[in-house]
Amino acid sequence: MSAAPLVTPDGRYLVVRGRLWRRTDPRLDEATRASIVHELMEARRAKKTALADDDAAAVEAARARVDAAKTSLGERGPVWWDDDAPDETRRMARNTRYADWFATVGPDAATN
């Protein structure tokens, strides 16, 4: 069983192998979130199938579906917080405003 992912103190990001990834918008109700996640998984399966079939048009269509779902979840596109803080997705935590906090969570955090 794997440990729960590390989350920044403000709840905006997951930390995976030291890198920040934006979390789902917490304002989404559970039914909406579940529906979007279902669509995301369907789109990912469609992409896998399209890649296996070497169907470039279907790959692009599936990628667009994945992007739309991730945007609907708040993981891409405009940030879901309203304090004008910048989006630091994909940046290494040690190189962001979370650096001091990240240094205190221990070396195991970088391997999540």
C-alpha atoms as a PDB file:
ATOM      1  CA  MET A   1       0.000   0.000   0.000  1.00  0.00           C
ATOM      2  CA  SER A   2       1.438   3.385  -0.947  1.00  0.00           C
ATOM      3  CA  ALA A   3       1.500   6.398   1.319  1.00  0.00           C
ATOM      4  CA  ALA A   4      -0.824   9.323   0.705  1.00  0.00           C
ATOM      5  CA  PRO A   5       0.727  11.905  -1.593  1.00  0.00           C
ATOM      6  CA  LEU A   6       2.354  14.932  -0.043  1.00  0.00           C
ATOM      7  CA  VAL A   7       0.166  18.050  -0.291  1.00  0.00           C
ATOM      8  CA  THR A   8       1.336  21.635   0.093  1.00  0.00           C
ATOM      9  CA  PRO A   9       0.118  23.397   3.239  1.00  0.00           C
ATOM     10  CA  ASP A  10      -2.356  25.513   1.248  1.00  0.00           C
ATOM     11  CA  GLY A  11      -3.787  22.420  -0.466  1.00  0.00           C
ATOM     12  CA  ARG A  12      -3.103  23.639  -3.985  1.00  0.00           C
ATOM     13  CA  TYR A  13      -0.537  21.072  -5.106  1.00  0.00           C
ATOM     14  CA  LEU A  14       0.479  17.448  -4.798  1.00  0.00           C
ATOM     15  CA  VAL A  15       4.220  16.850  -4.628  1.00  0.00           C
ATOM     16  CA  VAL A  16       5.386  13.924  -6.744  1.00  0.00           C
ATOM     17  CA  ARG A  17       9.111  13.180  -6.824  1.00  0.00           C
ATOM     18  CA  GLY A  18       9.705  16.753  -5.673  1.00  0.00           C
ATOM     19  CA  ARG A  19       7.581  18.339  -8.413  1.00  0.00           C
ATOM     20  CA  LEU A  20       4.341  20.306  -7.892  1.00  0.00           C
ATOM     21  CA  TRP A  21       1.129  19.196  -9.620  1.00  0.00           C
ATOM     22  CA  ARG A  22      -2.062  21.227  -9.274  1.00  0.00           C
ATOM     23  CA  ARG A  23      -4.855  19.502  -7.351  1.00  0.00           C
ATOM     24  CA  THR A  24      -8.486  19.271  -8.334  1.00  0.00           C
ATOM     25  CA  ASP A  25     -10.609  22.310  -7.493  1.00  0.00           C
ATOM     26  CA  PRO A  26     -11.993  21.583  -3.991  1.00  0.00           C
ATOM     27  CA  ARG A  27     -15.141  23.560  -4.784  1.00  0.00           C
ATOM     28  CA  LEU A  28     -16.377  20.812  -7.142  1.00  0.00           C
ATOM     29  CA  ASP A  29     -19.107  18.724  -5.563  1.00  0.00           C
ATOM     30  CA  GLU A  30     -18.418  14.991  -5.373  1.00  0.00           C
ATOM     31  CA  ALA A  31     -20.885  13.998  -8.122  1.00  0.00           C
ATOM     32  CA  THR A  32     -19.427  16.506 -10.576  1.00  0.00           C
ATOM     33  CA  ARG A  33     -15.869  15.530  -9.724  1.00  0.00           C
ATOM     34  CA  ALA A  34     -16.650  11.827 -10.128  1.00  0.00           C
ATOM     35  CA  SER A  35     -18.315  12.422 -13.484  1.00  0.00           C
ATOM     36  CA  ILE A  36     -15.342  14.393 -14.804  1.00  0.00           C
ATOM     37  CA  VAL A  37     -12.873  11.798 -13.497  1.00  0.00           C
ATOM     38  CA  HIS A  38     -14.895   9.096 -15.279  1.00  0.00           C
ATOM     39  CA  GLU A  39     -14.639  11.067 -18.535  1.00  0.00           C
ATOM     40  CA  LEU A  40     -10.908  11.550 -17.957  1.00  0.00           C
ATOM     41  CA  MET A  41     -10.381   7.804 -17.554  1.00  0.00           C
ATOM     42  CA  GLU A  42     -12.465   7.091 -20.683  1.00  0.00           C
ATOM     43  CA  ALA A  43     -10.401   9.617 -22.630  1.00  0.00           C
ATOM     44  CA  ARG A  44      -7.149   8.063 -21.418  1.00  0.00           C
ATOM     45  CA  ARG A  45      -8.340   4.622 -22.488  1.00  0.00           C
ATOM     46  CA  ALA A  46      -9.328   6.044 -25.890  1.00  0.00           C
ATOM     47  CA  LYS A  47      -5.857   7.520 -26.252  1.00  0.00           C
ATOM     48  CA  LYS A  48      -4.234   4.192 -25.402  1.00  0.00           C
ATOM     49  CA  THR A  49      -6.377   2.426 -28.000  1.00  0.00           C
ATOM     50  CA  ALA A  50      -5.669   5.078 -30.630  1.00  0.00           C
ATOM     51  CA  LEU A  51      -1.938   4.818 -30.010  1.00  0.00           C
ATOM     52  CA  ALA A  52      -2.085   1.032 -30.340  1.00  0.00           C
ATOM     53  CA  ASP A  53      -4.050   1.423 -33.593  1.00  0.00           C
ATOM     54  CA  ASP A  54      -1.581   4.053 -34.860  1.00  0.00           C
ATOM     55  CA  ASP A  55      -4.530   6.391 -35.504  1.00  0.00           C
ATOM     56  CA  ALA A  56      -3.140   9.936 -35.320  1.00  0.00           C
ATOM     57  CA  ALA A  57      -6.527  11.647 -35.612  1.00  0.00           C
ATOM     58  CA  ALA A  58      -8.000   9.547 -32.804  1.00  0.00           C
ATOM     59  CA  VAL A  59      -4.927  10.213 -30.644  1.00  0.00           C
ATOM     60  CA  GLU A  60      -5.385  13.957 -31.063  1.00  0.00           C
ATOM     61  CA  ALA A  61      -9.122  13.708 -30.325  1.00  0.00           C
ATOM     62  CA  ALA A  62      -8.423  11.688 -27.180  1.00  0.00           C
ATOM     63  CA  ARG A  63      -5.730  14.149 -26.073  1.00  0.00           C
ATOM     64  CA  ALA A  64      -8.236  16.974 -26.478  1.00  0.00           C
ATOM     65  CA  ARG A  65     -10.715  15.052 -24.302  1.00  0.00           C
ATOM     66  CA  VAL A  66      -8.048  14.503 -21.640  1.00  0.00           C
ATOM     67  CA  ASP A  67      -7.160  18.199 -21.684  1.00  0.00           C
ATOM     68  CA  ALA A  68     -10.825  19.223 -21.432  1.00  0.00           C
ATOM     69  CA  ALA A  69     -11.385  16.924 -18.454  1.00  0.00           C
ATOM     70  CA  LYS A  70      -8.231  18.093 -16.665  1.00  0.00           C
ATOM     71  CA  THR A  71      -9.273  21.711 -17.275  1.00  0.00           C
ATOM     72  CA  SER A  72     -12.769  20.982 -15.919  1.00  0.00           C
ATOM     73  CA  LEU A  73     -11.194  19.507 -12.797  1.00  0.00           C
ATOM     74  CA  GLY A  74      -9.138  22.678 -12.326  1.00  0.00           C
ATOM     75  CA  GLU A  75      -5.834  20.862 -12.819  1.00  0.00           C
ATOM     76  CA  ARG A  76      -5.108  22.855 -15.991  1.00  0.00           C
ATOM     77  CA  GLY A  77      -6.194  26.204 -17.340  1.00  0.00           C
ATOM     78  CA  PRO A  78      -7.054  29.115 -15.063  1.00  0.00           C
ATOM     79  CA  VAL A  79      -6.172  28.577 -11.418  1.00  0.00           C
ATOM     80  CA  TRP A  80      -9.043  27.902  -9.041  1.00  0.00           C
ATOM     81  CA  TRP A  81      -7.746  30.076  -6.205  1.00  0.00           C
ATOM     82  CA  ASP A  82      -8.435  33.799  -6.064  1.00  0.00           C
ATOM     83  CA  ASP A  83      -5.489  35.408  -4.276  1.00  0.00           C
ATOM     84  CA  ASP A  84      -3.459  36.133  -7.442  1.00  0.00           C
ATOM     85  CA  ALA A  85      -0.766  33.597  -6.482  1.00  0.00           C
ATOM     86  CA  PRO A  86       0.995  32.267  -9.578  1.00  0.00           C
ATOM     87  CA  ASP A  87       0.538  28.740 -10.881  1.00  0.00           C
ATOM     88  CA  GLU A  88       3.656  26.742 -10.052  1.00  0.00           C
ATOM     89  CA  THR A  89       2.568  23.452 -11.618  1.00  0.00           C
ATOM     90  CA  ARG A  90       5.424  21.279 -12.896  1.00  0.00           C
ATOM     91  CA  ARG A  91       8.055  23.257 -10.999  1.00  0.00           C
ATOM     92  CA  MET A  92      10.351  21.600  -8.510  1.00  0.00           C
ATOM     93  CA  ALA A  93       9.101  22.408  -5.003  1.00  0.00           C
ATOM     94  CA  ARG A  94      12.597  23.406  -3.900  1.00  0.00           C
ATOM     95  CA  ASN A  95      12.543  26.207  -6.501  1.00  0.00           C
ATOM     96  CA  THR A  96       9.186  27.705  -5.509  1.00  0.00           C
ATOM     97  CA  ARG A  97       7.643  29.661  -2.675  1.00  0.00           C
ATOM     98  CA  TYR A  98       7.168  26.249  -0.988  1.00  0.00           C
ATOM     99  CA  ALA A  99      10.944  25.670  -0.722  1.00  0.00           C
ATOM    100  CA  ASP A 100      11.223  26.316   3.033  1.00  0.00           C
ATOM    101  CA  TRP A 101       8.243  24.083   3.792  1.00  0.00           C
ATOM    102  CA  PHE A 102       9.496  21.355   1.441  1.00  0.00           C
ATOM    103  CA  ALA A 103      12.916  21.365   3.118  1.00  0.00           C
ATOM    104  CA  THR A 104      11.255  20.513   6.439  1.00  0.00           C
ATOM    105  CA  VAL A 105       9.168  17.542   5.296  1.00  0.00           C
ATOM    106  CA  GLY A 106      12.178  15.271   4.907  1.00  0.00           C
ATOM    107  CA  PRO A 107      14.012  13.423   2.157  1.00  0.00           C
ATOM    108  CA  ASP A 108      11.251  10.844   1.648  1.00  0.00           C
ATOM    109  CA  ALA A 109       8.917  13.529   0.292  1.00  0.00           C
ATOM    110  CA  ALA A 110      10.998  13.861  -2.860  1.00  0.00           C
ATOM    111  CA  THR A 111      10.415  10.191  -3.731  1.00  0.00           C
ATOM    112  CA  ASN A 112       6.599  10.120  -3.550  1.00  0.00           C
END
